[in-house]
All heavy atoms as atom14 arrays in JSON, in Angstrom:
{
  "sequence": "RFHTTPSALKQSNNLRGSVIRAGDQLLIPSAFKGQQ",
  "atom14_mask": [
    [1, 1, 1, 1, 1, 1, 1, 1, 1, 1, 1, 0, 0, 0],
    [1, 1, 1, 1, 1, 1, 1, 1, 1, 1, 1, 0, 0, 0],
    [1, 1, 1, 1, 1, 1, 1, 1, 1, 1, 0, 0, 0, 0],
    [1, 1, 1, 1, 1, 1, 1, 0, 0, 0, 0, 0, 0, 0],
    [1, 1, 1, 1, 1, 1, 1, 0, 0, 0, 0, 0, 0, 0],
    [1, 1, 1, 1, 1, 1, 1, 0, 0, 0, 0, 0, 0, 0],
    [1, 1, 1, 1, 1, 1, 0, 0, 0, 0, 0, 0, 0, 0],
    [1, 1, 1, 1, 1, 0, 0, 0, 0, 0, 0, 0, 0, 0],
    [1, 1, 1, 1, 1, 1, 1, 1, 0, 0, 0, 0, 0, 0],
    [1, 1, 1, 1, 1, 1, 1, 1, 1, 0, 0, 0, 0, 0],
    [1, 1, 1, 1, 1, 1, 1, 1, 1, 0, 0, 0, 0, 0],
    [1, 1, 1, 1, 1, 1, 0, 0, 0, 0, 0, 0, 0, 0],
    [1, 1, 1, 1, 1, 1, 1, 1, 0, 0, 0, 0, 0, 0],
    [1, 1, 1, 1, 1, 1, 1, 1, 0, 0, 0, 0, 0, 0],
    [1, 1, 1, 1, 1, 1, 1, 1, 0, 0, 0, 0, 0, 0],
    [1, 1, 1, 1, 1, 1, 1, 1, 1, 1, 1, 0, 0, 0],
    [1, 1, 1, 1, 0, 0, 0, 0, 0, 0, 0, 0, 0, 0],
    [1, 1, 1, 1, 1, 1, 0, 0, 0, 0, 0, 0, 0, 0],
    [1, 1, 1, 1, 1, 1, 1, 0, 0, 0, 0, 0, 0, 0],
    [1, 1, 1, 1, 1, 1, 1, 1, 0, 0, 0, 0, 0, 0],
    [1, 1, 1, 1, 1, 1, 1, 1, 1, 1, 1, 0, 0, 0],
    [1, 1, 1, 1, 1, 0, 0, 0, 0, 0, 0, 0, 0, 0],
    [1, 1, 1, 1, 0, 0, 0, 0, 0, 0, 0, 0, 0, 0],
    [1, 1, 1, 1, 1, 1, 1, 1, 0, 0, 0, 0, 0, 0],
    [1, 1, 1, 1, 1, 1, 1, 1, 1, 0, 0, 0, 0, 0],
    [1, 1, 1, 1, 1, 1, 1, 1, 0, 0, 0, 0, 0, 0],
    [1, 1, 1, 1, 1, 1, 1, 1, 0, 0, 0, 0, 0, 0],
    [1, 1, 1, 1, 1, 1, 1, 1, 0, 0, 0, 0, 0, 0],
    [1, 1, 1, 1, 1, 1, 1, 0, 0, 0, 0, 0, 0, 0],
    [1, 1, 1, 1, 1, 1, 0, 0, 0, 0, 0, 0, 0, 0],
    [1, 1, 1, 1, 1, 0, 0, 0, 0, 0, 0, 0, 0, 0],
    [1, 1, 1, 1, 1, 1, 1, 1, 1, 1, 1, 0, 0, 0],
    [1, 1, 1, 1, 1, 1, 1, 1, 1, 0, 0, 0, 0, 0],
    [1, 1, 1, 1, 0, 0, 0, 0, 0, 0, 0, 0, 0, 0],
    [1, 1, 1, 1, 1, 1, 1, 1, 1, 0, 0, 0, 0, 0],
    [1, 1, 1, 1, 1, 1, 1, 1, 1, 0, 0, 0, 0, 0]
  ],
  "atom14_positions": [
    [[15.42, -6.39, 9.34], [16.23, -6.95, 10.31], [15.83, -8.43, 10.6], [16.74, -9.25, 10.9], [16.11, -6.13, 11.6], [17.11, -6.49, 12.69], [16.92, -5.5, 13.83], [16.97, -4.09, 13.43], [16.34, -3.13, 14.08], [15.62, -3.42, 15.16], [16.48, -1.88, 13.63], [0.0, 0.0, 0.0], [0.0, 0.0, 0.0], [0.0, 0.0, 0.0]],
    [[14.54, -8.69, 10.49], [14.1, -10.06, 10.88], [13.66, -10.87, 9.66], [12.93, -11.88, 9.78], [12.96, -9.97, 11.84], [13.36, -9.42, 13.2], [13.23, -8.11, 13.57], [13.96, -10.32, 14.14], [13.65, -7.67, 14.85], [14.37, -9.88, 15.37], [14.19, -8.56, 15.75], [0.0, 0.0, 0.0], [0.0, 0.0, 0.0], [0.0, 0.0, 0.0]],
    [[14.06, -10.48, 8.43], [13.85, -11.27, 7.24], [12.33, -11.52, 7.03], [11.85, -12.66, 6.76], [14.59, -12.59, 7.26], [16.02, -12.47, 7.53], [16.92, -12.0, 6.6], [16.7, -12.76, 8.61], [18.14, -11.92, 7.08], [18.05, -12.4, 8.35], [0.0, 0.0, 0.0], [0.0, 0.0, 0.0], [0.0, 0.0, 0.0], [0.0, 0.0, 0.0]],
    [[11.55, -10.42, 7.12], [10.13, -10.56, 6.86], [9.66, -9.32, 6.12], [10.5, -8.6, 5.53], [9.35, -10.78, 8.15], [7.94, -10.93, 7.86], [9.52, -9.65, 9.13], [0.0, 0.0, 0.0], [0.0, 0.0, 0.0], [0.0, 0.0, 0.0], [0.0, 0.0, 0.0], [0.0, 0.0, 0.0], [0.0, 0.0, 0.0], [0.0, 0.0, 0.0]],
    [[8.37, -9.01, 6.1], [7.88, -7.88, 5.38], [6.95, -6.99, 6.3], [6.37, -7.5, 7.27], [6.99, -8.33, 4.19], [5.82, -9.0, 4.64], [7.78, -9.19, 3.24], [0.0, 0.0, 0.0], [0.0, 0.0, 0.0], [0.0, 0.0, 0.0], [0.0, 0.0, 0.0], [0.0, 0.0, 0.0], [0.0, 0.0, 0.0], [0.0, 0.0, 0.0]],
    [[6.84, -5.73, 5.97], [5.94, -4.9, 6.74], [4.48, -5.41, 6.82], [3.85, -5.34, 7.87], [6.02, -3.58, 6.05], [7.37, -3.51, 5.38], [7.58, -4.91, 4.98], [0.0, 0.0, 0.0], [0.0, 0.0, 0.0], [0.0, 0.0, 0.0], [0.0, 0.0, 0.0], [0.0, 0.0, 0.0], [0.0, 0.0, 0.0], [0.0, 0.0, 0.0]],
    [[4.01, -5.96, 5.68], [2.64, -6.51, 5.66], [2.53, -7.67, 6.61], [1.43, -7.79, 7.27], [2.19, -6.85, 4.22], [3.06, -7.86, 3.72], [0.0, 0.0, 0.0], [0.0, 0.0, 0.0], [0.0, 0.0, 0.0], [0.0, 0.0, 0.0], [0.0, 0.0, 0.0], [0.0, 0.0, 0.0], [0.0, 0.0, 0.0], [0.0, 0.0, 0.0]],
    [[3.56, -8.49, 6.71], [3.5, -9.65, 7.59], [3.49, -9.15, 9.06], [2.77, -9.72, 9.86], [4.66, -10.55, 7.32], [0.0, 0.0, 0.0], [0.0, 0.0, 0.0], [0.0, 0.0, 0.0], [0.0, 0.0, 0.0], [0.0, 0.0, 0.0], [0.0, 0.0, 0.0], [0.0, 0.0, 0.0], [0.0, 0.0, 0.0], [0.0, 0.0, 0.0]],
    [[4.25, -8.08, 9.33], [4.23, -7.58, 10.68], [2.88, -6.97, 11.05], [2.38, -7.13, 12.16], [5.33, -6.52, 10.84], [6.81, -6.97, 10.74], [7.75, -5.76, 10.82], [7.1, -7.99, 11.85], [0.0, 0.0, 0.0], [0.0, 0.0, 0.0], [0.0, 0.0, 0.0], [0.0, 0.0, 0.0], [0.0, 0.0, 0.0], [0.0, 0.0, 0.0]],
    [[2.3, -6.27, 10.11], [0.94, -5.73, 10.27], [-0.07, -6.85, 10.63], [-0.82, -6.7, 11.59], [0.43, -4.91, 9.1], [1.14, -3.65, 8.86], [0.54, -2.97, 7.63], [1.23, -1.64, 7.32], [0.66, -1.04, 6.11], [0.0, 0.0, 0.0], [0.0, 0.0, 0.0], [0.0, 0.0, 0.0], [0.0, 0.0, 0.0], [0.0, 0.0, 0.0]],
    [[0.02, -7.9, 9.84], [-0.97, -8.98, 10.0], [-0.7, -9.69, 11.35], [-1.72, -9.95, 12.11], [-0.8, -10.04, 8.86], [-1.79, -11.15, 8.98], [-1.53, -12.24, 7.9], [-0.38, -12.44, 7.56], [-2.54, -12.89, 7.43], [0.0, 0.0, 0.0], [0.0, 0.0, 0.0], [0.0, 0.0, 0.0], [0.0, 0.0, 0.0], [0.0, 0.0, 0.0]],
    [[0.53, -9.89, 11.72], [0.85, -10.62, 12.95], [0.49, -9.82, 14.17], [0.22, -10.35, 15.24], [2.37, -10.95, 12.99], [2.78, -11.63, 11.84], [0.0, 0.0, 0.0], [0.0, 0.0, 0.0], [0.0, 0.0, 0.0], [0.0, 0.0, 0.0], [0.0, 0.0, 0.0], [0.0, 0.0, 0.0], [0.0, 0.0, 0.0], [0.0, 0.0, 0.0]],
    [[0.41, -8.47, 14.03], [0.18, -7.64, 15.21], [-1.1, -6.87, 15.12], [-1.31, -5.86, 15.9], [1.35, -6.65, 15.39], [2.65, -7.42, 15.78], [2.92, -7.7, 16.93], [3.47, -7.72, 14.79], [0.0, 0.0, 0.0], [0.0, 0.0, 0.0], [0.0, 0.0, 0.0], [0.0, 0.0, 0.0], [0.0, 0.0, 0.0], [0.0, 0.0, 0.0]],
    [[-1.98, -7.25, 14.12], [-3.32, -6.58, 14.0], [-3.21, -5.11, 13.88], [-3.98, -4.38, 14.46], [-4.21, -6.97, 15.14], [-4.51, -8.45, 15.22], [-4.77, -9.06, 14.2], [-4.5, -9.0, 16.39], [0.0, 0.0, 0.0], [0.0, 0.0, 0.0], [0.0, 0.0, 0.0], [0.0, 0.0, 0.0], [0.0, 0.0, 0.0], [0.0, 0.0, 0.0]],
    [[-2.17, -4.63, 13.07], [-2.0, -3.23, 12.86], [-2.82, -2.73, 11.67], [-2.69, -3.36, 10.6], [-0.52, -2.89, 12.72], [0.46, -3.21, 13.8], [1.87, -2.93, 13.4], [0.08, -2.42, 15.09], [0.0, 0.0, 0.0], [0.0, 0.0, 0.0], [0.0, 0.0, 0.0], [0.0, 0.0, 0.0], [0.0, 0.0, 0.0], [0.0, 0.0, 0.0]],
    [[-3.52, -1.65, 11.8], [-4.3, -1.17, 10.66], [-3.43, -0.23, 9.8], [-3.6, -0.17, 8.59], [-5.55, -0.38, 11.15], [-6.56, -1.31, 11.82], [-7.77, -0.48, 12.28], [-8.83, -1.36, 12.79], [-10.01, -0.96, 13.23], [-10.31, 0.37, 13.14], [-10.82, -1.8, 13.8], [0.0, 0.0, 0.0], [0.0, 0.0, 0.0], [0.0, 0.0, 0.0]],
    [[-2.54, 0.44, 10.43], [-1.65, 1.37, 9.72], [-0.23, 1.02, 9.92], [0.11, -0.08, 10.43], [0.0, 0.0, 0.0], [0.0, 0.0, 0.0], [0.0, 0.0, 0.0], [0.0, 0.0, 0.0], [0.0, 0.0, 0.0], [0.0, 0.0, 0.0], [0.0, 0.0, 0.0], [0.0, 0.0, 0.0], [0.0, 0.0, 0.0], [0.0, 0.0, 0.0]],
    [[0.64, 1.94, 9.51], [2.12, 1.73, 9.64], [2.79, 2.48, 10.78], [3.99, 2.42, 10.91], [2.78, 2.11, 8.33], [2.28, 1.38, 7.19], [0.0, 0.0, 0.0], [0.0, 0.0, 0.0], [0.0, 0.0, 0.0], [0.0, 0.0, 0.0], [0.0, 0.0, 0.0], [0.0, 0.0, 0.0], [0.0, 0.0, 0.0], [0.0, 0.0, 0.0]],
    [[1.94, 3.15, 11.57], [2.53, 3.95, 12.7], [2.83, 3.08, 13.86], [1.94, 2.33, 14.35], [1.55, 5.08, 13.06], [2.11, 5.85, 14.26], [1.27, 6.01, 11.88], [0.0, 0.0, 0.0], [0.0, 0.0, 0.0], [0.0, 0.0, 0.0], [0.0, 0.0, 0.0], [0.0, 0.0, 0.0], [0.0, 0.0, 0.0], [0.0, 0.0, 0.0]],
    [[4.07, 3.08, 14.32], [4.51, 2.37, 15.56], [5.29, 3.4, 16.4], [5.83, 4.37, 15.87], [5.36, 1.17, 15.31], [6.59, 1.53, 14.46], [4.53, 0.04, 14.61], [7.52, 0.31, 14.19], [0.0, 0.0, 0.0], [0.0, 0.0, 0.0], [0.0, 0.0, 0.0], [0.0, 0.0, 0.0], [0.0, 0.0, 0.0], [0.0, 0.0, 0.0]],
    [[5.32, 3.13, 17.69], [5.98, 4.09, 18.58], [7.01, 3.41, 19.45], [6.82, 2.19, 19.8], [4.91, 4.76, 19.51], [3.91, 5.69, 18.75], [2.89, 6.24, 19.65], [2.0, 7.13, 18.97], [0.93, 6.81, 18.22], [0.65, 5.51, 18.17], [0.22, 7.63, 17.63], [0.0, 0.0, 0.0], [0.0, 0.0, 0.0], [0.0, 0.0, 0.0]],
    [[8.03, 4.13, 19.85], [9.04, 3.54, 20.71], [8.41, 3.0, 22.02], [7.56, 3.67, 22.58], [10.1, 4.65, 20.99], [0.0, 0.0, 0.0], [0.0, 0.0, 0.0], [0.0, 0.0, 0.0], [0.0, 0.0, 0.0], [0.0, 0.0, 0.0], [0.0, 0.0, 0.0], [0.0, 0.0, 0.0], [0.0, 0.0, 0.0], [0.0, 0.0, 0.0]],
    [[8.79, 1.77, 22.3], [8.24, 1.14, 23.47], [7.11, 0.16, 23.14], [6.8, -0.72, 23.96], [0.0, 0.0, 0.0], [0.0, 0.0, 0.0], [0.0, 0.0, 0.0], [0.0, 0.0, 0.0], [0.0, 0.0, 0.0], [0.0, 0.0, 0.0], [0.0, 0.0, 0.0], [0.0, 0.0, 0.0], [0.0, 0.0, 0.0], [0.0, 0.0, 0.0]],
    [[6.55, 0.19, 21.9], [5.53, -0.78, 21.55], [6.18, -2.15, 21.45], [7.4, -2.27, 21.21], [5.0, -0.44, 20.18], [4.04, 0.77, 20.12], [3.69, 1.18, 21.3], [3.65, 1.24, 19.08], [0.0, 0.0, 0.0], [0.0, 0.0, 0.0], [0.0, 0.0, 0.0], [0.0, 0.0, 0.0], [0.0, 0.0, 0.0], [0.0, 0.0, 0.0]],
    [[5.36, -3.13, 21.78], [5.85, -4.62, 21.64], [5.28, -5.19, 20.4], [4.05, -5.12, 20.14], [5.36, -5.4, 22.82], [5.94, -4.94, 24.21], [7.35, -5.4, 24.4], [7.85, -6.39, 23.7], [8.14, -4.78, 25.22], [0.0, 0.0, 0.0], [0.0, 0.0, 0.0], [0.0, 0.0, 0.0], [0.0, 0.0, 0.0], [0.0, 0.0, 0.0]],
    [[6.14, -5.82, 19.55], [5.67, -6.45, 18.32], [6.03, -7.93, 18.42], [7.1, -8.35, 18.9], [6.43, -5.86, 17.12], [6.1, -4.37, 16.77], [6.89, -3.97, 15.45], [4.6, -4.21, 16.55], [0.0, 0.0, 0.0], [0.0, 0.0, 0.0], [0.0, 0.0, 0.0], [0.0, 0.0, 0.0], [0.0, 0.0, 0.0], [0.0, 0.0, 0.0]],
    [[5.15, -8.72, 17.82], [5.43, -10.18, 17.63], [6.01, -10.36, 16.29], [5.47, -9.89, 15.23], [4.15, -11.0, 17.8], [3.68, -11.34, 19.16], [2.27, -12.03, 19.13], [4.67, -12.15, 19.93], [0.0, 0.0, 0.0], [0.0, 0.0, 0.0], [0.0, 0.0, 0.0], [0.0, 0.0, 0.0], [0.0, 0.0, 0.0], [0.0, 0.0, 0.0]],
    [[7.19, -10.97, 16.22], [7.93, -11.14, 14.89], [7.96, -12.58, 14.56], [8.49, -13.44, 15.32], [9.39, -10.6, 15.08], [9.48, -9.24, 15.73], [10.04, -10.65, 13.68], [8.95, -8.1, 14.82], [0.0, 0.0, 0.0], [0.0, 0.0, 0.0], [0.0, 0.0, 0.0], [0.0, 0.0, 0.0], [0.0, 0.0, 0.0], [0.0, 0.0, 0.0]],
    [[7.38, -12.95, 13.39], [7.56, -14.29, 12.92], [9.03, -14.52, 12.42], [9.54, -13.69, 11.72], [6.58, -14.42, 11.73], [6.46, -13.02, 11.25], [6.63, -12.09, 12.43], [0.0, 0.0, 0.0], [0.0, 0.0, 0.0], [0.0, 0.0, 0.0], [0.0, 0.0, 0.0], [0.0, 0.0, 0.0], [0.0, 0.0, 0.0], [0.0, 0.0, 0.0]],
    [[9.61, -15.58, 12.82], [11.02, -15.81, 12.44], [11.3, -17.3, 12.22], [10.54, -18.11, 12.58], [12.0, -15.21, 13.55], [11.72, -15.87, 14.76], [0.0, 0.0, 0.0], [0.0, 0.0, 0.0], [0.0, 0.0, 0.0], [0.0, 0.0, 0.0], [0.0, 0.0, 0.0], [0.0, 0.0, 0.0], [0.0, 0.0, 0.0], [0.0, 0.0, 0.0]],
    [[12.38, -17.59, 11.57], [12.78, -18.92, 11.22], [13.21, -19.73, 12.45], [13.84, -19.25, 13.31], [13.89, -18.88, 10.19], [0.0, 0.0, 0.0], [0.0, 0.0, 0.0], [0.0, 0.0, 0.0], [0.0, 0.0, 0.0], [0.0, 0.0, 0.0], [0.0, 0.0, 0.0], [0.0, 0.0, 0.0], [0.0, 0.0, 0.0], [0.0, 0.0, 0.0]],
    [[12.91, -21.01, 12.42], [13.33, -21.95, 13.44], [14.76, -22.12, 13.43], [15.51, -22.34, 14.42], [12.65, -23.32, 13.29], [11.29, -23.38, 14.01], [10.11, -23.24, 13.25], [11.19, -23.58, 15.32], [8.89, -23.33, 13.83], [9.99, -23.69, 15.91], [8.79, -23.51, 15.23], [0.0, 0.0, 0.0], [0.0, 0.0, 0.0], [0.0, 0.0, 0.0]],
    [[15.41, -22.1, 12.19], [16.81, -22.38, 12.01], [17.56, -21.18, 11.44], [16.91, -20.22, 11.0], [17.02, -23.65, 11.08], [16.4, -24.85, 11.67], [16.67, -26.06, 10.8], [16.07, -27.35, 11.37], [16.41, -28.51, 10.58], [0.0, 0.0, 0.0], [0.0, 0.0, 0.0], [0.0, 0.0, 0.0], [0.0, 0.0, 0.0], [0.0, 0.0, 0.0]],
    [[18.84, -21.19, 11.4], [19.63, -20.15, 10.75], [19.34, -20.1, 9.28], [19.01, -21.06, 8.66], [0.0, 0.0, 0.0], [0.0, 0.0, 0.0], [0.0, 0.0, 0.0], [0.0, 0.0, 0.0], [0.0, 0.0, 0.0], [0.0, 0.0, 0.0], [0.0, 0.0, 0.0], [0.0, 0.0, 0.0], [0.0, 0.0, 0.0], [0.0, 0.0, 0.0]],
    [[19.53, -18.94, 8.65], [19.18, -18.75, 7.28], [19.87, -19.69, 6.3], [19.33, -20.11, 5.32], [19.49, -17.27, 6.86], [18.59, -16.23, 7.51], [17.18, -16.43, 7.17], [16.78, -16.51, 6.0], [16.31, -16.5, 8.17], [0.0, 0.0, 0.0], [0.0, 0.0, 0.0], [0.0, 0.0, 0.0], [0.0, 0.0, 0.0], [0.0, 0.0, 0.0]],
    [[21.08, -20.12, 6.64], [21.84, -21.01, 5.77], [21.19, -22.43, 5.7], [21.41, -23.11, 4.72], [23.27, -21.17, 6.24], [24.1, -19.87, 6.03], [25.56, -20.13, 6.37], [25.98, -21.08, 7.0], [26.4, -19.14, 5.94], [0.0, 0.0, 0.0], [0.0, 0.0, 0.0], [0.0, 0.0, 0.0], [0.0, 0.0, 0.0], [0.0, 0.0, 0.0]]
  ]
}
């Protein structure tokens, strides 16, 4: 959804595994500009 990878999300949020739960807050790295 945010044009990134699971590994990047893990790294950005200090996640050791892939388990996340509803209500958790994640930091998402995203582009400054539109994709075009």
